[in-house]
Amino acid sequence: MRLITLFVLFINILLADEASYNRGEMLFFAKSCSSCHGPSAEGSTSYPRLANKKSAYLEKKLKDFRAGKAQSVSQQMMAQFVEELSDKNINDLVYFLSHHKGEKIEDMNDAYLGGVGS
């Protein structure tokens, strides 16, 4: 009986994670994040990679941007994209980015996000 209960709990967790990933992916494209950070969140020479960053890092940065905390003009422009996001939206977006199913990309210094991101 315990094995069945554990199996059901495991399946529920997987389905919840998949739903969060899908909601985060929809937000990533709906908020036009892909326009600057790339369709796979891979970043570029001007915009940082977001794919597969640590979730705590991404969550802190997004909540800081939402609160208007920025250390540069480049970071200030992020406020307009995240100001209407709820904590649930941020959690879904962070889950999508930190568990990105795309190709693993080498870390780089992310001056726009405020330091090395991973």
PDB file of N, CA and C in Angstrom:
ATOM      1  N   MET A   1       0.817  -1.197   0.000  1.00  0.00           N
ATOM      2  CA  MET A   1       0.000   0.000   0.000  1.00  0.00           C
ATOM      3  C   MET A   1       0.863   1.264   0.000  1.00  0.00           C
ATOM      4  N   ARG A   2       1.949   1.239   0.799  1.00  0.00           N
ATOM      5  CA  ARG A   2       2.844   2.395   0.845  1.00  0.00           C
ATOM      6  C   ARG A   2       3.488   2.653  -0.507  1.00  0.00           C
ATOM      7  N   LEU A   3       3.832   1.582  -1.188  1.00  0.00           N
ATOM      8  CA  LEU A   3       4.452   1.726  -2.498  1.00  0.00           C
ATOM      9  C   LEU A   3       3.498   2.403  -3.479  1.00  0.00           C
ATOM     10  N   ILE A   4       2.249   2.044  -3.445  1.00  0.00           N
ATOM     11  CA  ILE A   4       1.249   2.661  -4.331  1.00  0.00           C
ATOM     12  C   ILE A   4       1.091   4.140  -3.986  1.00  0.00           C
ATOM     13  N   THR A   5       1.033   4.461  -2.705  1.00  0.00           N
ATOM     14  CA  THR A   5       0.904   5.853  -2.272  1.00  0.00           C
ATOM     15  C   THR A   5       2.102   6.679  -2.730  1.00  0.00           C
ATOM     16  N   LEU A   6       3.303   6.143  -2.554  1.00  0.00           N
ATOM     17  CA  LEU A   6       4.508   6.842  -3.001  1.00  0.00           C
ATOM     18  C   LEU A   6       4.518   7.031  -4.516  1.00  0.00           C
ATOM     19  N   PHE A   7       4.081   6.028  -5.230  1.00  0.00           N
ATOM     20  CA  PHE A   7       4.020   6.128  -6.687  1.00  0.00           C
ATOM     21  C   PHE A   7       3.049   7.225  -7.115  1.00  0.00           C
ATOM     22  N   VAL A   8       1.880   7.286  -6.508  1.00  0.00           N
ATOM     23  CA  VAL A   8       0.878   8.311  -6.835  1.00  0.00           C
ATOM     24  C   VAL A   8       1.425   9.700  -6.514  1.00  0.00           C
ATOM     25  N   LEU A   9       2.076   9.851  -5.374  1.00  0.00           N
ATOM     26  CA  LEU A   9       2.674  11.138  -5.017  1.00  0.00           C
ATOM     27  C   LEU A   9       3.739  11.546  -6.023  1.00  0.00           C
ATOM     28  N   PHE A  10       4.564  10.604  -6.428  1.00  0.00           N
ATOM     29  CA  PHE A  10       5.607  10.874  -7.405  1.00  0.00           C
ATOM     30  C   PHE A  10       5.011  11.337  -8.733  1.00  0.00           C
ATOM     31  N   ILE A  11       3.982  10.680  -9.196  1.00  0.00           N
ATOM     32  CA  ILE A  11       3.318  11.061 -10.452  1.00  0.00           C
ATOM     33  C   ILE A  11       2.718  12.460 -10.325  1.00  0.00           C
ATOM     34  N   ASN A  12       2.080  12.763  -9.187  1.00  0.00           N
ATOM     35  CA  ASN A  12       1.509  14.093  -8.976  1.00  0.00           C
ATOM     36  C   ASN A  12       2.575  15.174  -9.019  1.00  0.00           C
ATOM     37  N   ILE A  13       3.724  14.904  -8.427  1.00  0.00           N
ATOM     38  CA  ILE A  13       4.819  15.874  -8.439  1.00  0.00           C
ATOM     39  C   ILE A  13       5.315  16.086  -9.860  1.00  0.00           C
ATOM     40  N   LEU A  14       5.475  15.007 -10.606  1.00  0.00           N
ATOM     41  CA  LEU A  14       5.921  15.134 -11.997  1.00  0.00           C
ATOM     42  C   LEU A  14       4.939  15.941 -12.829  1.00  0.00           C
ATOM     43  N   LEU A  15       3.654  15.678 -12.671  1.00  0.00           N
ATOM     44  CA  LEU A  15       2.648  16.415 -13.438  1.00  0.00           C
ATOM     45  C   LEU A  15       2.606  17.881 -13.044  1.00  0.00           C
ATOM     46  N   ALA A  16       2.751  18.178 -11.763  1.00  0.00           N
ATOM     47  CA  ALA A  16       2.767  19.565 -11.296  1.00  0.00           C
ATOM     48  C   ALA A  16       3.979  20.292 -11.856  1.00  0.00           C
ATOM     49  N   ASP A  17       5.136  19.633 -11.857  1.00  0.00           N
ATOM     50  CA  ASP A  17       6.344  20.236 -12.404  1.00  0.00           C
ATOM     51  C   ASP A  17       6.198  20.499 -13.899  1.00  0.00           C
ATOM     52  N   GLU A  18       5.603  19.571 -14.607  1.00  0.00           N
ATOM     53  CA  GLU A  18       5.398  19.742 -16.049  1.00  0.00           C
ATOM     54  C   GLU A  18       4.450  20.909 -16.322  1.00  0.00           C
ATOM     55  N   ALA A  19       3.409  21.045 -15.520  1.00  0.00           N
ATOM     56  CA  ALA A  19       2.466  22.162 -15.686  1.00  0.00           C
ATOM     57  C   ALA A  19       3.164  23.486 -15.419  1.00  0.00           C
ATOM     58  N   SER A  20       3.985  23.541 -14.382  1.00  0.00           N
ATOM     59  CA  SER A  20       4.734  24.758 -14.066  1.00  0.00           C
ATOM     60  C   SER A  20       5.701  25.096 -15.197  1.00  0.00           C
ATOM     61  N   TYR A  21       6.362  24.087 -15.728  1.00  0.00           N
ATOM     62  CA  TYR A  21       7.281  24.282 -16.856  1.00  0.00           C
ATOM     63  C   TYR A  21       6.528  24.867 -18.056  1.00  0.00           C
ATOM     64  N   ASN A  22       5.370  24.299 -18.366  1.00  0.00           N
ATOM     65  CA  ASN A  22       4.593  24.767 -19.516  1.00  0.00           C
ATOM     66  C   ASN A  22       4.083  26.190 -19.318  1.00  0.00           C
ATOM     67  N   ARG A  23       3.612  26.519 -18.097  1.00  0.00           N
ATOM     68  CA  ARG A  23       3.162  27.888 -17.821  1.00  0.00           C
ATOM     69  C   ARG A  23       4.337  28.865 -17.937  1.00  0.00           C
ATOM     70  N   GLY A  24       5.488  28.462 -17.430  1.00  0.00           N
ATOM     71  CA  GLY A  24       6.673  29.307 -17.519  1.00  0.00           C
ATOM     72  C   GLY A  24       7.110  29.526 -18.951  1.00  0.00           C
ATOM     73  N   GLU A  25       7.028  28.489 -19.750  1.00  0.00           N
ATOM     74  CA  GLU A  25       7.385  28.607 -21.166  1.00  0.00           C
ATOM     75  C   GLU A  25       6.439  29.575 -21.874  1.00  0.00           C
ATOM     76  N   MET A  26       5.151  29.469 -21.578  1.00  0.00           N
ATOM     77  CA  MET A  26       4.174  30.387 -22.183  1.00  0.00           C
ATOM     78  C   MET A  26       4.464  31.828 -21.769  1.00  0.00           C
ATOM     79  N   LEU A  27       4.801  32.052 -20.500  1.00  0.00           N
ATOM     80  CA  LEU A  27       5.142  33.398 -20.033  1.00  0.00           C
ATOM     81  C   LEU A  27       6.399  33.916 -20.721  1.00  0.00           C
ATOM     82  N   PHE A  28       7.389  33.064 -20.889  1.00  0.00           N
ATOM     83  CA  PHE A  28       8.649  33.452 -21.519  1.00  0.00           C
ATOM     84  C   PHE A  28       8.390  34.043 -22.901  1.00  0.00           C
ATOM     85  N   PHE A  29       7.495  33.420 -23.648  1.00  0.00           N
ATOM     86  CA  PHE A  29       7.209  33.920 -24.992  1.00  0.00           C
ATOM     87  C   PHE A  29       6.176  35.039 -24.973  1.00  0.00           C
ATOM     88  N   ALA A  30       5.198  34.976 -24.095  1.00  0.00           N
ATOM     89  CA  ALA A  30       4.167  36.022 -24.019  1.00  0.00           C
ATOM     90  C   ALA A  30       4.750  37.356 -23.573  1.00  0.00           C
ATOM     91  N   LYS A  31       5.735  37.318 -22.681  1.00  0.00           N
ATOM     92  CA  LYS A  31       6.362  38.551 -22.190  1.00  0.00           C
ATOM     93  C   LYS A  31       7.522  38.989 -23.085  1.00  0.00           C
ATOM     94  N   SER A  32       7.696  38.307 -24.205  1.00  0.00           N
ATOM     95  CA  SER A  32       8.726  38.627 -25.206  1.00  0.00           C
ATOM     96  C   SER A  32      10.158  38.487 -24.688  1.00  0.00           C
ATOM     97  N   CYS A  33      10.357  37.640 -23.694  1.00  0.00           N
ATOM     98  CA  CYS A  33      11.709  37.401 -23.181  1.00  0.00           C
ATOM     99  C   CYS A  33      12.619  36.874 -24.293  1.00  0.00           C
ATOM    100  N   SER A  34      12.030  36.079 -25.189  1.00  0.00           N
ATOM    101  CA  SER A  34      12.809  35.465 -26.265  1.00  0.00           C
ATOM    102  C   SER A  34      13.354  36.490 -27.252  1.00  0.00           C
ATOM    103  N   SER A  35      12.743  37.654 -27.303  1.00  0.00           N
ATOM    104  CA  SER A  35      13.221  38.684 -28.235  1.00  0.00           C
ATOM    105  C   SER A  35      14.653  39.100 -27.929  1.00  0.00           C
ATOM    106  N   CYS A  36      14.998  39.167 -26.664  1.00  0.00           N
ATOM    107  CA  CYS A  36      16.353  39.575 -26.276  1.00  0.00           C
ATOM    108  C   CYS A  36      17.216  38.389 -25.840  1.00  0.00           C
ATOM    109  N   HIS A  37      16.627  37.480 -25.070  1.00  0.00           N
ATOM    110  CA  HIS A  37      17.399  36.387 -24.492  1.00  0.00           C
ATOM    111  C   HIS A  37      17.459  35.158 -25.395  1.00  0.00           C
ATOM    112  N   GLY A  38      16.770  35.203 -26.532  1.00  0.00           N
ATOM    113  CA  GLY A  38      16.810  34.107 -27.491  1.00  0.00           C
ATOM    114  C   GLY A  38      15.701  33.103 -27.267  1.00  0.00           C
ATOM    115  N   PRO A  39      15.285  32.404 -28.313  1.00  0.00           N
ATOM    116  CA  PRO A  39      14.174  31.462 -28.222  1.00  0.00           C
ATOM    117  C   PRO A  39      14.448  30.273 -27.287  1.00  0.00           C
ATOM    118  N   SER A  40      15.718  29.984 -27.039  1.00  0.00           N
ATOM    119  CA  SER A  40      16.071  28.916 -26.106  1.00  0.00           C
ATOM    120  C   SER A  40      16.683  29.482 -24.840  1.00  0.00           C
ATOM    121  N   ALA A  41      16.469  30.780 -24.612  1.00  0.00           N
ATOM    122  CA  ALA A  41      17.016  31.485 -23.439  1.00  0.00           C
ATOM    123  C   ALA A  41      18.531  31.371 -23.376  1.00  0.00           C
ATOM    124  N   GLU A  42      19.144  31.271 -24.559  1.00  0.00           N
ATOM    125  CA  GLU A  42      20.586  31.056 -24.637  1.00  0.00           C
ATOM    126  C   GLU A  42      21.387  32.336 -24.489  1.00  0.00           C
ATOM    127  N   GLY A  43      20.743  33.489 -24.586  1.00  0.00           N
ATOM    128  CA  GLY A  43      21.442  34.757 -24.457  1.00  0.00           C
ATOM    129  C   GLY A  43      22.217  35.109 -25.713  1.00  0.00           C
ATOM    130  N   SER A  44      22.949  36.205 -25.622  1.00  0.00           N
ATOM    131  CA  SER A  44      23.770  36.672 -26.737  1.00  0.00           C
ATOM    132  C   SER A  44      24.904  37.503 -26.154  1.00  0.00           C
ATOM    133  N   THR A  45      25.620  38.191 -27.008  1.00  0.00           N
ATOM    134  CA  THR A  45      26.696  39.041 -26.500  1.00  0.00           C
ATOM    135  C   THR A  45      26.144  40.229 -25.722  1.00  0.00           C
ATOM    136  N   SER A  46      24.915  40.634 -25.991  1.00  0.00           N
ATOM    137  CA  SER A  46      24.313  41.788 -25.312  1.00  0.00           C
ATOM    138  C   SER A  46      23.372  41.419 -24.182  1.00  0.00           C
ATOM    139  N   TYR A  47      22.815  40.203 -24.219  1.00  0.00           N
ATOM    140  CA  TYR A  47      21.824  39.799 -23.231  1.00  0.00           C
ATOM    141  C   TYR A  47      22.237  38.467 -22.609  1.00  0.00           C
ATOM    142  N   PRO A  48      22.066  38.327 -21.303  1.00  0.00           N
ATOM    143  CA  PRO A  48      22.559  37.123 -20.623  1.00  0.00           C
ATOM    144  C   PRO A  48      21.742  35.870 -20.911  1.00  0.00           C
ATOM    145  N   ARG A  49      22.431  34.752 -20.795  1.00  0.00           N
ATOM    146  CA  ARG A  49      21.778  33.453 -20.879  1.00  0.00           C
ATOM    147  C   ARG A  49      20.930  33.279 -19.626  1.00  0.00           C
ATOM    148  N   LEU A  50      19.733  32.749 -19.787  1.00  0.00           N
ATOM    149  CA  LEU A  50      18.844  32.458 -18.660  1.00  0.00           C
ATOM    150  C   LEU A  50      18.623  30.961 -18.502  1.00  0.00           C
ATOM    151  N   ALA A  51      18.832  30.217 -19.558  1.00  0.00           N
ATOM    152  CA  ALA A  51      18.583  28.773 -19.532  1.00  0.00           C
ATOM    153  C   ALA A  51      19.490  28.075 -18.536  1.00  0.00           C
ATOM    154  N   ASN A  52      18.870  27.238 -17.692  1.00  0.00           N
ATOM    155  CA  ASN A  52      19.568  26.379 -16.742  1.00  0.00           C
ATOM    156  C   ASN A  52      20.366  27.126 -15.668  1.00  0.00           C
ATOM    157  N   LYS A  53      19.955  28.348 -15.385  1.00  0.00           N
ATOM    158  CA  LYS A  53      20.541  29.074 -14.253  1.00  0.00           C
ATOM    159  C   LYS A  53      19.920  28.525 -12.976  1.00  0.00           C
ATOM    160  N   LYS A  54      20.559  28.774 -11.858  1.00  0.00           N
ATOM    161  CA  LYS A  54      20.025  28.315 -10.578  1.00  0.00           C
ATOM    162  C   LYS A  54      18.734  29.069 -10.257  1.00  0.00           C
ATOM    163  N   SER A  55      17.750  28.339  -9.783  1.00  0.00           N
ATOM    164  CA  SER A  55      16.428  28.914  -9.540  1.00  0.00           C
ATOM    165  C   SER A  55      16.456  30.031  -8.498  1.00  0.00           C
ATOM    166  N   ALA A  56      17.229  29.887  -7.438  1.00  0.00           N
ATOM    167  CA  ALA A  56      17.289  30.932  -6.403  1.00  0.00           C
ATOM    168  C   ALA A  56      17.822  32.233  -6.983  1.00  0.00           C
ATOM    169  N   TYR A  57      18.798  32.137  -7.861  1.00  0.00           N
ATOM    170  CA  TYR A  57      19.379  33.307  -8.511  1.00  0.00           C
ATOM    171  C   TYR A  57      18.345  33.996  -9.398  1.00  0.00           C
ATOM    172  N   LEU A  58      17.680  33.223 -10.250  1.00  0.00           N
ATOM    173  CA  LEU A  58      16.681  33.790 -11.155  1.00  0.00           C
ATOM    174  C   LEU A  58      15.528  34.431 -10.389  1.00  0.00           C
ATOM    175  N   GLU A  59      15.051  33.746  -9.355  1.00  0.00           N
ATOM    176  CA  GLU A  59      13.938  34.269  -8.567  1.00  0.00           C
ATOM    177  C   GLU A  59      14.311  35.597  -7.905  1.00  0.00           C
ATOM    178  N   LYS A  60      15.491  35.660  -7.320  1.00  0.00           N
ATOM    179  CA  LYS A  60      15.922  36.897  -6.666  1.00  0.00           C
ATOM    180  C   LYS A  60      16.015  38.037  -7.672  1.00  0.00           C
ATOM    181  N   LYS A  61      16.621  37.775  -8.823  1.00  0.00           N
ATOM    182  CA  LYS A  61      16.776  38.824  -9.826  1.00  0.00           C
ATOM    183  C   LYS A  61      15.417  39.310 -10.329  1.00  0.00           C
ATOM    184  N   LEU A  62      14.509  38.397 -10.631  1.00  0.00           N
ATOM    185  CA  LEU A  62      13.192  38.808 -11.124  1.00  0.00           C
ATOM    186  C   LEU A  62      12.416  39.603 -10.079  1.00  0.00           C
ATOM    187  N   LYS A  63      12.477  39.181  -8.829  1.00  0.00           N
ATOM    188  CA  LYS A  63      11.773  39.913  -7.771  1.00  0.00           C
ATOM    189  C   LYS A  63      12.427  41.267  -7.513  1.00  0.00           C
ATOM    190  N   ASP A  64      13.743  41.335  -7.631  1.00  0.00           N
ATOM    191  CA  ASP A  64      14.418  42.624  -7.514  1.00  0.00           C
ATOM    192  C   ASP A  64      14.007  43.555  -8.652  1.00  0.00           C
ATOM    193  N   PHE A  65      13.985  43.039  -9.870  1.00  0.00           N
ATOM    194  CA  PHE A  65      13.566  43.855 -11.009  1.00  0.00           C
ATOM    195  C   PHE A  65      12.134  44.342 -10.820  1.00  0.00           C
ATOM    196  N   ARG A  66      11.261  43.452 -10.357  1.00  0.00           N
ATOM    197  CA  ARG A  66       9.857  43.813 -10.126  1.00  0.00           C
ATOM    198  C   ARG A  66       9.744  44.917  -9.074  1.00  0.00           C
ATOM    199  N   ALA A  67      10.621  44.887  -8.084  1.00  0.00           N
ATOM    200  CA  ALA A  67      10.617  45.897  -7.017  1.00  0.00           C
ATOM    201  C   ALA A  67      11.334  47.181  -7.435  1.00  0.00           C
ATOM    202  N   GLY A  68      11.857  47.214  -8.650  1.00  0.00           N
ATOM    203  CA  GLY A  68      12.527  48.404  -9.146  1.00  0.00           C
ATOM    204  C   GLY A  68      13.986  48.501  -8.742  1.00  0.00           C
ATOM    205  N   LYS A  69      14.541  47.429  -8.198  1.00  0.00           N
ATOM    206  CA  LYS A  69      15.949  47.426  -7.802  1.00  0.00           C
ATOM    207  C   LYS A  69      16.799  47.094  -9.020  1.00  0.00           C
ATOM    208  N   ALA A  70      17.638  48.039  -9.392  1.00  0.00           N
ATOM    209  CA  ALA A  70      18.496  47.837 -10.551  1.00  0.00           C
ATOM    210  C   ALA A  70      19.822  48.537 -10.308  1.00  0.00           C
ATOM    211  N   GLN A  71      20.875  47.965 -10.838  1.00  0.00           N
ATOM    212  CA  GLN A  71      22.206  48.526 -10.667  1.00  0.00           C
ATOM    213  C   GLN A  71      22.718  49.185 -11.942  1.00  0.00           C
ATOM    214  N   SER A  72      21.930  49.138 -13.002  1.00  0.00           N
ATOM    215  CA  SER A  72      22.347  49.738 -14.264  1.00  0.00           C
ATOM    216  C   SER A  72      21.105  50.060 -15.094  1.00  0.00           C
ATOM    217  N   VAL A  73      21.320  50.830 -16.124  1.00  0.00           N
ATOM    218  CA  VAL A  73      20.228  51.164 -17.041  1.00  0.00           C
ATOM    219  C   VAL A  73      19.708  49.897 -17.713  1.00  0.00           C
ATOM    220  N   SER A  74      20.606  48.989 -18.033  1.00  0.00           N
ATOM    221  CA  SER A  74      20.212  47.728 -18.670  1.00  0.00           C
ATOM    222  C   SER A  74      19.287  46.930 -17.766  1.00  0.00           C
ATOM    223  N   GLN A  75      19.566  46.945 -16.465  1.00  0.00           N
ATOM    224  CA  GLN A  75      18.706  46.237 -15.527  1.00  0.00           C
ATOM    225  C   GLN A  75      17.392  46.975 -15.314  1.00  0.00           C
ATOM    226  N   GLN A  76      17.409  48.297 -15.365  1.00  0.00           N
ATOM    227  CA  GLN A  76      16.187  49.082 -15.183  1.00  0.00           C
ATOM    228  C   GLN A  76      15.140  48.751 -16.240  1.00  0.00           C
ATOM    229  N   MET A  77      15.573  48.447 -17.435  1.00  0.00           N
ATOM    230  CA  MET A  77      14.606  48.146 -18.495  1.00  0.00           C
ATOM    231  C   MET A  77      13.845  46.853 -18.239  1.00  0.00           C
ATOM    232  N   MET A  78      14.378  45.994 -17.382  1.00  0.00           N
ATOM    233  CA  MET A  78      13.690  44.743 -17.062  1.00  0.00           C
ATOM    234  C   MET A  78      12.418  44.981 -16.246  1.00  0.00           C
ATOM    235  N   ALA A  79      12.344  46.073 -15.507  1.00  0.00           N
ATOM    236  CA  ALA A  79      11.198  46.344 -14.637  1.00  0.00           C
ATOM    237  C   ALA A  79       9.885  46.335 -15.416  1.00  0.00           C
ATOM    238  N   GLN A  80       9.878  46.890 -16.602  1.00  0.00           N
ATOM    239  CA  GLN A  80       8.642  46.940 -17.382  1.00  0.00           C
ATOM    240  C   GLN A  80       8.139  45.559 -17.794  1.00  0.00           C
ATOM    241  N   PHE A  81       9.034  44.602 -17.873  1.00  0.00           N
ATOM    242  CA  PHE A  81       8.639  43.257 -18.286  1.00  0.00           C
ATOM    243  C   PHE A  81       8.141  42.399 -17.121  1.00  0.00           C
ATOM    244  N   VAL A  82       8.548  42.730 -15.908  1.00  0.00           N
ATOM    245  CA  VAL A  82       8.194  41.891 -14.762  1.00  0.00           C
ATOM    246  C   VAL A  82       7.268  42.567 -13.760  1.00  0.00           C
ATOM    247  N   GLU A  83       6.975  43.843 -13.958  1.00  0.00           N
ATOM    248  CA  GLU A  83       6.194  44.575 -12.952  1.00  0.00           C
ATOM    249  C   GLU A  83       4.811  43.983 -12.695  1.00  0.00           C
ATOM    250  N   GLU A  84       4.216  43.340 -13.664  1.00  0.00           N
ATOM    251  CA  GLU A  84       2.868  42.776 -13.500  1.00  0.00           C
ATOM    252  C   GLU A  84       2.872  41.289 -13.151  1.00  0.00           C
ATOM    253  N   LEU A  85       4.045  40.700 -13.027  1.00  0.00           N
ATOM    254  CA  LEU A  85       4.114  39.272 -12.721  1.00  0.00           C
ATOM    255  C   LEU A  85       3.812  39.016 -11.247  1.00  0.00           C
ATOM    256  N   SER A  86       2.979  38.028 -10.992  1.00  0.00           N
ATOM    257  CA  SER A  86       2.708  37.602  -9.615  1.00  0.00           C
ATOM    258  C   SER A  86       3.849  36.688  -9.153  1.00  0.00           C
ATOM    259  N   ASP A  87       3.868  36.389  -7.864  1.00  0.00           N
ATOM    260  CA  ASP A  87       4.863  35.440  -7.359  1.00  0.00           C
ATOM    261  C   ASP A  87       4.710  34.087  -8.057  1.00  0.00           C
ATOM    262  N   LYS A  88       3.476  33.668  -8.308  1.00  0.00           N
ATOM    263  CA  LYS A  88       3.211  32.394  -9.008  1.00  0.00           C
ATOM    264  C   LYS A  88       3.778  32.450 -10.425  1.00  0.00           C
ATOM    265  N   ASN A  89       3.580  33.575 -11.111  1.00  0.00           N
ATOM    266  CA  ASN A  89       4.140  33.726 -12.455  1.00  0.00           C
ATOM    267  C   ASN A  89       5.664  33.626 -12.425  1.00  0.00           C
ATOM    268  N   ILE A  90       6.262  34.304 -11.455  1.00  0.00           N
ATOM    269  CA  ILE A  90       7.721  34.266 -11.332  1.00  0.00           C
ATOM    270  C   ILE A  90       8.189  32.847 -11.039  1.00  0.00           C
ATOM    271  N   ASN A  91       7.497  32.141 -10.160  1.00  0.00           N
ATOM    272  CA  ASN A  91       7.871  30.751  -9.856  1.00  0.00           C
ATOM    273  C   ASN A  91       7.807  29.873 -11.101  1.00  0.00           C
ATOM    274  N   ASP A  92       6.759  30.050 -11.907  1.00  0.00           N
ATOM    275  CA  ASP A  92       6.634  29.254 -13.136  1.00  0.00           C
ATOM    276  C   ASP A  92       7.734  29.611 -14.132  1.00  0.00           C
ATOM    277  N   LEU A  93       7.998  30.894 -14.296  1.00  0.00           N
ATOM    278  CA  LEU A  93       9.040  31.337 -15.215  1.00  0.00           C
ATOM    279  C   LEU A  93      10.409  30.825 -14.771  1.00  0.00           C
ATOM    280  N   VAL A  94      10.670  30.917 -13.481  1.00  0.00           N
ATOM    281  CA  VAL A  94      11.936  30.424 -12.922  1.00  0.00           C
ATOM    282  C   VAL A  94      12.048  28.918 -13.124  1.00  0.00           C
ATOM    283  N   TYR A  95      10.962  28.192 -12.904  1.00  0.00           N
ATOM    284  CA  TYR A  95      11.003  26.737 -13.092  1.00  0.00           C
ATOM    285  C   TYR A  95      11.340  26.406 -14.549  1.00  0.00           C
ATOM    286  N   PHE A  96      10.694  27.091 -15.470  1.00  0.00           N
ATOM    287  CA  PHE A  96      10.966  26.866 -16.897  1.00  0.00           C
ATOM    288  C   PHE A  96      12.435  27.136 -17.217  1.00  0.00           C
ATOM    289  N   LEU A  97      12.934  28.268 -16.765  1.00  0.00           N
ATOM    290  CA  LEU A  97      14.309  28.638 -17.104  1.00  0.00           C
ATOM    291  C   LEU A  97      15.338  27.743 -16.420  1.00  0.00           C
ATOM    292  N   SER A  98      15.127  27.441 -15.164  1.00  0.00           N
ATOM    293  CA  SER A  98      16.117  26.652 -14.428  1.00  0.00           C
ATOM    294  C   SER A  98      16.097  25.171 -14.807  1.00  0.00           C
ATOM    295  N   HIS A  99      15.029  24.724 -15.432  1.00  0.00           N
ATOM    296  CA  HIS A  99      14.924  23.338 -15.888  1.00  0.00           C
ATOM    297  C   HIS A  99      14.817  23.270 -17.407  1.00  0.00           C
ATOM    298  N   HIS A 100      15.369  24.250 -18.064  1.00  0.00           N
ATOM    299  CA  HIS A 100      15.218  24.357 -19.514  1.00  0.00           C
ATOM    300  C   HIS A 100      15.655  23.079 -20.199  1.00  0.00           C
ATOM    301  N   LYS A 101      14.833  22.604 -21.100  1.00  0.00           N
ATOM    302  CA  LYS A 101      15.077  21.321 -21.755  1.00  0.00           C
ATOM    303  C   LYS A 101      15.931  21.473 -23.003  1.00  0.00           C
ATOM    304  N   GLY A 102      16.397  22.668 -23.233  1.00  0.00           N
ATOM    305  CA  GLY A 102      17.247  22.902 -24.394  1.00  0.00           C
ATOM    306  C   GLY A 102      18.669  22.458 -24.125  1.00  0.00           C
ATOM    307  N   GLU A 103      19.512  22.825 -24.997  1.00  0.00           N
ATOM    308  CA  GLU A 103      20.913  22.453 -24.926  1.00  0.00           C
ATOM    309  C   GLU A 103      21.602  23.159 -23.761  1.00  0.00           C
ATOM    310  N   LYS A 104      22.461  22.442 -23.061  1.00  0.00           N
ATOM    311  CA  LYS A 104      23.251  23.046 -21.980  1.00  0.00           C
ATOM    312  C   LYS A 104      24.268  23.993 -22.617  1.00  0.00           C
ATOM    313  N   ILE A 105      24.356  25.182 -22.044  1.00  0.00           N
ATOM    314  CA  ILE A 105      25.247  26.193 -22.598  1.00  0.00           C
ATOM    315  C   ILE A 105      26.242  26.594 -21.513  1.00  0.00           C
ATOM    316  N   GLU A 106      27.470  26.819 -21.887  1.00  0.00           N
ATOM    317  CA  GLU A 106      28.497  27.220 -20.929  1.00  0.00           C
ATOM    318  C   GLU A 106      28.105  28.521 -20.259  1.00  0.00           C
ATOM    319  N   ASP A 107      28.458  28.643 -18.987  1.00  0.00           N
ATOM    320  CA  ASP A 107      28.173  29.852 -18.225  1.00  0.00           C
ATOM    321  C   ASP A 107      29.075  30.979 -18.718  1.00  0.00           C
ATOM    322  N   MET A 108      28.601  32.191 -18.515  1.00  0.00           N
ATOM    323  CA  MET A 108      29.386  33.358 -18.876  1.00  0.00           C
ATOM    324  C   MET A 108      29.092  34.457 -17.873  1.00  0.00           C
ATOM    325  N   ASN A 109      29.914  35.463 -17.831  1.00  0.00           N
ATOM    326  CA  ASN A 109      29.698  36.576 -16.920  1.00  0.00           C
ATOM    327  C   ASN A 109      28.501  37.378 -17.427  1.00  0.00           C
ATOM    328  N   ASP A 110      27.485  37.515 -16.595  1.00  0.00           N
ATOM    329  CA  ASP A 110      26.256  38.187 -16.990  1.00  0.00           C
ATOM    330  C   ASP A 110      26.219  39.583 -16.408  1.00  0.00           C
ATOM    331  N   ALA A 111      26.821  40.536 -17.087  1.00  0.00           N
ATOM    332  CA  ALA A 111      26.876  41.903 -16.589  1.00  0.00           C
ATOM    333  C   ALA A 111      25.477  42.491 -16.448  1.00  0.00           C
ATOM    334  N   TYR A 112      24.561  42.111 -17.318  1.00  0.00           N
ATOM    335  CA  TYR A 112      23.214  42.688 -17.270  1.00  0.00           C
ATOM    336  C   TYR A 112      22.414  42.200 -16.082  1.00  0.00           C
ATOM    337  N   LEU A 113      22.666  40.969 -15.637  1.00  0.00           N
ATOM    338  CA  LEU A 113      21.948  40.452 -14.485  1.00  0.00           C
ATOM    339  C   LEU A 113      22.683  40.750 -13.186  1.00  0.00           C
ATOM    340  N   GLY A 114      23.910  41.209 -13.285  1.00  0.00           N
ATOM    341  CA  GLY A 114      24.624  41.611 -12.092  1.00  0.00           C
ATOM    342  C   GLY A 114      25.577  40.583 -11.546  1.00  0.00           C
ATOM    343  N   GLY A 115      26.337  39.932 -12.401  1.00  0.00           N
ATOM    344  CA  GLY A 115      27.343  38.994 -11.926  1.00  0.00           C
ATOM    345  C   GLY A 115      27.247  37.656 -12.611  1.00  0.00           C
ATOM    346  N   VAL A 116      28.063  36.756 -12.183  1.00  0.00           N
ATOM    347  CA  VAL A 116      28.044  35.405 -12.746  1.00  0.00           C
ATOM    348  C   VAL A 116      26.813  34.713 -12.245  1.00  0.00           C
ATOM    349  N   GLY A 117      26.005  34.200 -13.159  1.00  0.00           N
ATOM    350  CA  GLY A 117      24.671  33.776 -12.811  1.00  0.00           C
ATOM    351  C   GLY A 117      24.427  32.385 -12.315  1.00  0.00           C
ATOM    352  N   SER A 118      25.271  31.435 -12.549  1.00  0.00           N
ATOM    353  CA  SER A 118      24.917  30.075 -12.168  1.00  0.00           C
ATOM    354  C   SER A 118      25.391  29.680 -10.818  1.00  0.00           C
TER     355      SER A 118
END
